[in-house]
Amino acid sequence: MSLMANLYVGASGLTVSQNALNTTAHNMANLDTTGYTRQQVSQGTRAYQTIERKIQHHRP
C-alpha cells in the first residue's frame, strides 16, 4: 500500500473517531430534553480506489 493510501486510512479513522465523540457529546447534552432520542454512529469498512499514473517513455 502506498504512503498516500496509508495516510488516507489514518485520516479517515480519525474522522470517524471525531464523529463518534461529537455524537456522544450531543447525546449527553440533550439527555434531559423532552422527546429526544439517542443518536448512534455506525462504523464499517469502505472500499476506495487509487489512481495510478503510468509514465510512458517515448523513444525517438
PDB file of N, CA and C in Angstrom:
ATOM      1  N   MET A   1       0.856  -1.162   0.000  1.00  0.00           N
ATOM      2  CA  MET A   1       0.000   0.000   0.000  1.00  0.00           C
ATOM      3  C   MET A   1       0.906   1.230   0.000  1.00  0.00           C
ATOM      4  N   SER A   2       0.521   2.229  -0.759  1.00  0.00           N
ATOM      5  CA  SER A   2       1.341   3.427  -0.882  1.00  0.00           C
ATOM      6  C   SER A   2       1.235   4.311   0.359  1.00  0.00           C
ATOM      7  N   LEU A   3       2.136   5.255   0.450  1.00  0.00           N
ATOM      8  CA  LEU A   3       2.144   6.176   1.581  1.00  0.00           C
ATOM      9  C   LEU A   3       0.844   6.975   1.649  1.00  0.00           C
ATOM     10  N   MET A   4       0.362   7.456   0.511  1.00  0.00           N
ATOM     11  CA  MET A   4      -0.871   8.249   0.498  1.00  0.00           C
ATOM     12  C   MET A   4      -2.068   7.407   0.931  1.00  0.00           C
ATOM     13  N   ALA A   5      -2.107   6.157   0.540  1.00  0.00           N
ATOM     14  CA  ALA A   5      -3.196   5.273   0.956  1.00  0.00           C
ATOM     15  C   ALA A   5      -3.165   5.062   2.461  1.00  0.00           C
ATOM     16  N   ASN A   6      -1.973   4.897   3.016  1.00  0.00           N
ATOM     17  CA  ASN A   6      -1.850   4.737   4.463  1.00  0.00           C
ATOM     18  C   ASN A   6      -2.285   5.995   5.199  1.00  0.00           C
ATOM     19  N   LEU A   7      -1.924   7.147   4.682  1.00  0.00           N
ATOM     20  CA  LEU A   7      -2.351   8.409   5.289  1.00  0.00           C
ATOM     21  C   LEU A   7      -3.861   8.567   5.212  1.00  0.00           C
ATOM     22  N   TYR A   8      -4.452   8.130   4.112  1.00  0.00           N
ATOM     23  CA  TYR A   8      -5.900   8.204   3.963  1.00  0.00           C
ATOM     24  C   TYR A   8      -6.599   7.312   5.002  1.00  0.00           C
ATOM     25  N   VAL A   9      -6.076   6.141   5.224  1.00  0.00           N
ATOM     26  CA  VAL A   9      -6.653   5.229   6.218  1.00  0.00           C
ATOM     27  C   VAL A   9      -6.590   5.869   7.601  1.00  0.00           C
ATOM     28  N   GLY A  10      -5.463   6.450   7.937  1.00  0.00           N
ATOM     29  CA  GLY A  10      -5.313   7.105   9.225  1.00  0.00           C
ATOM     30  C   GLY A  10      -6.236   8.301   9.384  1.00  0.00           C
ATOM     31  N   ALA A  11      -6.320   9.130   8.343  1.00  0.00           N
ATOM     32  CA  ALA A  11      -7.175  10.324   8.398  1.00  0.00           C
ATOM     33  C   ALA A  11      -8.646   9.950   8.499  1.00  0.00           C
ATOM     34  N   SER A  12      -9.070   8.933   7.778  1.00  0.00           N
ATOM     35  CA  SER A  12     -10.478   8.533   7.842  1.00  0.00           C
ATOM     36  C   SER A  12     -10.805   7.927   9.209  1.00  0.00           C
ATOM     37  N   GLY A  13      -9.860   7.228   9.811  1.00  0.00           N
ATOM     38  CA  GLY A  13     -10.070   6.698  11.156  1.00  0.00           C
ATOM     39  C   GLY A  13     -10.215   7.802  12.182  1.00  0.00           C
ATOM     40  N   LEU A  14      -9.395   8.849  12.055  1.00  0.00           N
ATOM     41  CA  LEU A  14      -9.508   9.990  12.958  1.00  0.00           C
ATOM     42  C   LEU A  14     -10.833  10.718  12.777  1.00  0.00           C
ATOM     43  N   THR A  15     -11.303  10.827  11.552  1.00  0.00           N
ATOM     44  CA  THR A  15     -12.584  11.478  11.277  1.00  0.00           C
ATOM     45  C   THR A  15     -13.731  10.703  11.910  1.00  0.00           C
ATOM     46  N   VAL A  16     -13.708   9.393  11.800  1.00  0.00           N
ATOM     47  CA  VAL A  16     -14.751   8.559  12.404  1.00  0.00           C
ATOM     48  C   VAL A  16     -14.745   8.706  13.922  1.00  0.00           C
ATOM     49  N   SER A  17     -13.550   8.719  14.506  1.00  0.00           N
ATOM     50  CA  SER A  17     -13.455   8.880  15.953  1.00  0.00           C
ATOM     51  C   SER A  17     -13.984  10.237  16.400  1.00  0.00           C
ATOM     52  N   GLN A  18     -13.694  11.288  15.645  1.00  0.00           N
ATOM     53  CA  GLN A  18     -14.191  12.616  15.972  1.00  0.00           C
ATOM     54  C   GLN A  18     -15.712  12.661  15.882  1.00  0.00           C
ATOM     55  N   ASN A  19     -16.270  12.043  14.863  1.00  0.00           N
ATOM     56  CA  ASN A  19     -17.734  11.993  14.722  1.00  0.00           C
ATOM     57  C   ASN A  19     -18.381  11.240  15.882  1.00  0.00           C
ATOM     58  N   ALA A  20     -17.749  10.169  16.321  1.00  0.00           N
ATOM     59  CA  ALA A  20     -18.286   9.403  17.451  1.00  0.00           C
ATOM     60  C   ALA A  20     -18.262  10.237  18.729  1.00  0.00           C
ATOM     61  N   LEU A  21     -17.173  10.987  18.954  1.00  0.00           N
ATOM     62  CA  LEU A  21     -17.094  11.850  20.128  1.00  0.00           C
ATOM     63  C   LEU A  21     -18.132  12.969  20.065  1.00  0.00           C
ATOM     64  N   ASN A  22     -18.320  13.547  18.886  1.00  0.00           N
ATOM     65  CA  ASN A  22     -19.336  14.591  18.729  1.00  0.00           C
ATOM     66  C   ASN A  22     -20.730  14.057  18.997  1.00  0.00           C
ATOM     67  N   THR A  23     -21.007  12.855  18.547  1.00  0.00           N
ATOM     68  CA  THR A  23     -22.317  12.249  18.772  1.00  0.00           C
ATOM     69  C   THR A  23     -22.536  11.966  20.251  1.00  0.00           C
ATOM     70  N   THR A  24     -21.497  11.479  20.920  1.00  0.00           N
ATOM     71  CA  THR A  24     -21.603  11.231  22.365  1.00  0.00           C
ATOM     72  C   THR A  24     -21.873  12.524  23.123  1.00  0.00           C
ATOM     73  N   ALA A  25     -21.159  13.583  22.760  1.00  0.00           N
ATOM     74  CA  ALA A  25     -21.370  14.879  23.413  1.00  0.00           C
ATOM     75  C   ALA A  25     -22.786  15.388  23.158  1.00  0.00           C
ATOM     76  N   HIS A  26     -23.278  15.213  21.944  1.00  0.00           N
ATOM     77  CA  HIS A  26     -24.639  15.625  21.602  1.00  0.00           C
ATOM     78  C   HIS A  26     -25.661  14.845  22.432  1.00  0.00           C
ATOM     79  N   ASN A  27     -25.457  13.550  22.560  1.00  0.00           N
ATOM     80  CA  ASN A  27     -26.363  12.720  23.356  1.00  0.00           C
ATOM     81  C   ASN A  27     -26.371  13.150  24.825  1.00  0.00           C
ATOM     82  N   MET A  28     -25.199  13.439  25.365  1.00  0.00           N
ATOM     83  CA  MET A  28     -25.119  13.831  26.768  1.00  0.00           C
ATOM     84  C   MET A  28     -25.741  15.210  27.005  1.00  0.00           C
ATOM     85  N   ALA A  29     -25.552  16.125  26.053  1.00  0.00           N
ATOM     86  CA  ALA A  29     -26.090  17.477  26.208  1.00  0.00           C
ATOM     87  C   ALA A  29     -27.611  17.497  26.130  1.00  0.00           C
ATOM     88  N   ASN A  30     -28.196  16.568  25.404  1.00  0.00           N
ATOM     89  CA  ASN A  30     -29.637  16.568  25.197  1.00  0.00           C
ATOM     90  C   ASN A  30     -30.357  15.469  25.969  1.00  0.00           C
ATOM     91  N   LEU A  31     -29.693  14.901  26.943  1.00  0.00           N
ATOM     92  CA  LEU A  31     -30.245  13.778  27.696  1.00  0.00           C
ATOM     93  C   LEU A  31     -31.587  14.105  28.340  1.00  0.00           C
ATOM     94  N   ASP A  32     -31.722  15.284  28.892  1.00  0.00           N
ATOM     95  CA  ASP A  32     -32.946  15.657  29.604  1.00  0.00           C
ATOM     96  C   ASP A  32     -33.960  16.402  28.739  1.00  0.00           C
ATOM     97  N   THR A  33     -33.704  16.516  27.448  1.00  0.00           N
ATOM     98  CA  THR A  33     -34.627  17.206  26.545  1.00  0.00           C
ATOM     99  C   THR A  33     -35.833  16.325  26.260  1.00  0.00           C
ATOM    100  N   THR A  34     -37.023  16.913  26.382  1.00  0.00           N
ATOM    101  CA  THR A  34     -38.258  16.161  26.130  1.00  0.00           C
ATOM    102  C   THR A  34     -38.314  15.730  24.665  1.00  0.00           C
ATOM    103  N   GLY A  35     -38.603  14.463  24.445  1.00  0.00           N
ATOM    104  CA  GLY A  35     -38.744  13.931  23.089  1.00  0.00           C
ATOM    105  C   GLY A  35     -37.431  13.598  22.402  1.00  0.00           C
ATOM    106  N   TYR A  36     -36.345  13.743  23.101  1.00  0.00           N
ATOM    107  CA  TYR A  36     -35.040  13.459  22.490  1.00  0.00           C
ATOM    108  C   TYR A  36     -34.819  11.960  22.365  1.00  0.00           C
ATOM    109  N   THR A  37     -34.287  11.542  21.240  1.00  0.00           N
ATOM    110  CA  THR A  37     -33.895  10.141  21.058  1.00  0.00           C
ATOM    111  C   THR A  37     -32.388  10.086  20.794  1.00  0.00           C
ATOM    112  N   ARG A  38     -31.775   9.072  21.322  1.00  0.00           N
ATOM    113  CA  ARG A  38     -30.323   8.908  21.224  1.00  0.00           C
ATOM    114  C   ARG A  38     -29.890   8.681  19.779  1.00  0.00           C
ATOM    115  N   GLN A  39     -28.771   9.279  19.413  1.00  0.00           N
ATOM    116  CA  GLN A  39     -28.185   9.073  18.093  1.00  0.00           C
ATOM    117  C   GLN A  39     -27.023   8.097  18.210  1.00  0.00           C
ATOM    118  N   GLN A  40     -26.753   7.378  17.121  1.00  0.00           N
ATOM    119  CA  GLN A  40     -25.669   6.399  17.108  1.00  0.00           C
ATOM    120  C   GLN A  40     -24.786   6.613  15.894  1.00  0.00           C
ATOM    121  N   VAL A  41     -23.536   6.239  16.047  1.00  0.00           N
ATOM    122  CA  VAL A  41     -22.591   6.257  14.928  1.00  0.00           C
ATOM    123  C   VAL A  41     -22.424   4.823  14.453  1.00  0.00           C
ATOM    124  N   SER A  42     -22.573   4.611  13.166  1.00  0.00           N
ATOM    125  CA  SER A  42     -22.392   3.285  12.588  1.00  0.00           C
ATOM    126  C   SER A  42     -21.055   3.249  11.858  1.00  0.00           C
ATOM    127  N   GLN A  43     -20.189   2.321  12.256  1.00  0.00           N
ATOM    128  CA  GLN A  43     -18.877   2.207  11.627  1.00  0.00           C
ATOM    129  C   GLN A  43     -18.827   0.959  10.768  1.00  0.00           C
ATOM    130  N   GLY A  44     -18.114   1.060   9.679  1.00  0.00           N
ATOM    131  CA  GLY A  44     -17.964  -0.085   8.796  1.00  0.00           C
ATOM    132  C   GLY A  44     -16.779   0.110   7.872  1.00  0.00           C
ATOM    133  N   THR A  45     -16.504  -0.873   7.077  1.00  0.00           N
ATOM    134  CA  THR A  45     -15.404  -0.768   6.126  1.00  0.00           C
ATOM    135  C   THR A  45     -15.883  -0.079   4.865  1.00  0.00           C
ATOM    136  N   ARG A  46     -14.939   0.527   4.185  1.00  0.00           N
ATOM    137  CA  ARG A  46     -15.280   1.238   2.963  1.00  0.00           C
ATOM    138  C   ARG A  46     -14.202   0.969   1.935  1.00  0.00           C
ATOM    139  N   ALA A  47     -14.604   0.615   0.760  1.00  0.00           N
ATOM    140  CA  ALA A  47     -13.652   0.378  -0.320  1.00  0.00           C
ATOM    141  C   ALA A  47     -13.265   1.715  -0.936  1.00  0.00           C
ATOM    142  N   TYR A  48     -12.047   1.831  -1.328  1.00  0.00           N
ATOM    143  CA  TYR A  48     -11.601   3.037  -2.015  1.00  0.00           C
ATOM    144  C   TYR A  48     -10.754   2.630  -3.194  1.00  0.00           C
ATOM    145  N   GLN A  49     -10.621   3.555  -4.110  1.00  0.00           N
ATOM    146  CA  GLN A  49      -9.889   3.281  -5.325  1.00  0.00           C
ATOM    147  C   GLN A  49      -8.727   4.248  -5.433  1.00  0.00           C
ATOM    148  N   THR A  50      -7.594   3.758  -5.807  1.00  0.00           N
ATOM    149  CA  THR A  50      -6.450   4.634  -6.026  1.00  0.00           C
ATOM    150  C   THR A  50      -6.240   4.814  -7.523  1.00  0.00           C
ATOM    151  N   ILE A  51      -5.701   5.939  -7.856  1.00  0.00           N
ATOM    152  CA  ILE A  51      -5.413   6.231  -9.262  1.00  0.00           C
ATOM    153  C   ILE A  51      -3.907   6.166  -9.435  1.00  0.00           C
ATOM    154  N   GLU A  52      -3.484   5.344 -10.349  1.00  0.00           N
ATOM    155  CA  GLU A  52      -2.062   5.209 -10.617  1.00  0.00           C
ATOM    156  C   GLU A  52      -1.725   5.924 -11.915  1.00  0.00           C
ATOM    157  N   ARG A  53      -0.637   6.646 -11.883  1.00  0.00           N
ATOM    158  CA  ARG A  53      -0.198   7.336 -13.082  1.00  0.00           C
ATOM    159  C   ARG A  53       0.926   6.513 -13.702  1.00  0.00           C
ATOM    160  N   LYS A  54       0.722   6.102 -14.918  1.00  0.00           N
ATOM    161  CA  LYS A  54       1.735   5.321 -15.612  1.00  0.00           C
ATOM    162  C   LYS A  54       2.538   6.252 -16.507  1.00  0.00           C
ATOM    163  N   ILE A  55       3.850   6.179 -16.380  1.00  0.00           N
ATOM    164  CA  ILE A  55       4.737   7.012 -17.180  1.00  0.00           C
ATOM    165  C   ILE A  55       5.240   6.191 -18.352  1.00  0.00           C
ATOM    166  N   GLN A  56       5.022   6.731 -19.529  1.00  0.00           N
ATOM    167  CA  GLN A  56       5.479   6.061 -20.737  1.00  0.00           C
ATOM    168  C   GLN A  56       6.679   6.823 -21.294  1.00  0.00           C
ATOM    169  N   HIS A  57       7.716   6.112 -21.595  1.00  0.00           N
ATOM    170  CA  HIS A  57       8.903   6.741 -22.170  1.00  0.00           C
ATOM    171  C   HIS A  57       8.798   6.629 -23.688  1.00  0.00           C
ATOM    172  N   HIS A  58       8.901   7.769 -24.339  1.00  0.00           N
ATOM    173  CA  HIS A  58       8.846   7.789 -25.800  1.00  0.00           C
ATOM    174  C   HIS A  58      10.268   7.742 -26.347  1.00  0.00           C
ATOM    175  N   ARG A  59      10.487   6.818 -27.212  1.00  0.00           N
ATOM    176  CA  ARG A  59      11.812   6.677 -27.827  1.00  0.00           C
ATOM    177  C   ARG A  59      11.764   7.272 -29.224  1.00  0.00           C
ATOM    178  N   PRO A  60      12.752   8.098 -29.556  1.00  0.00           N
ATOM    179  CA  PRO A  60      12.779   8.691 -30.909  1.00  0.00           C
ATOM    180  C   PRO A  60      13.091   7.701 -31.989  1.00  0.00           C
TER     181      PRO A  60
END
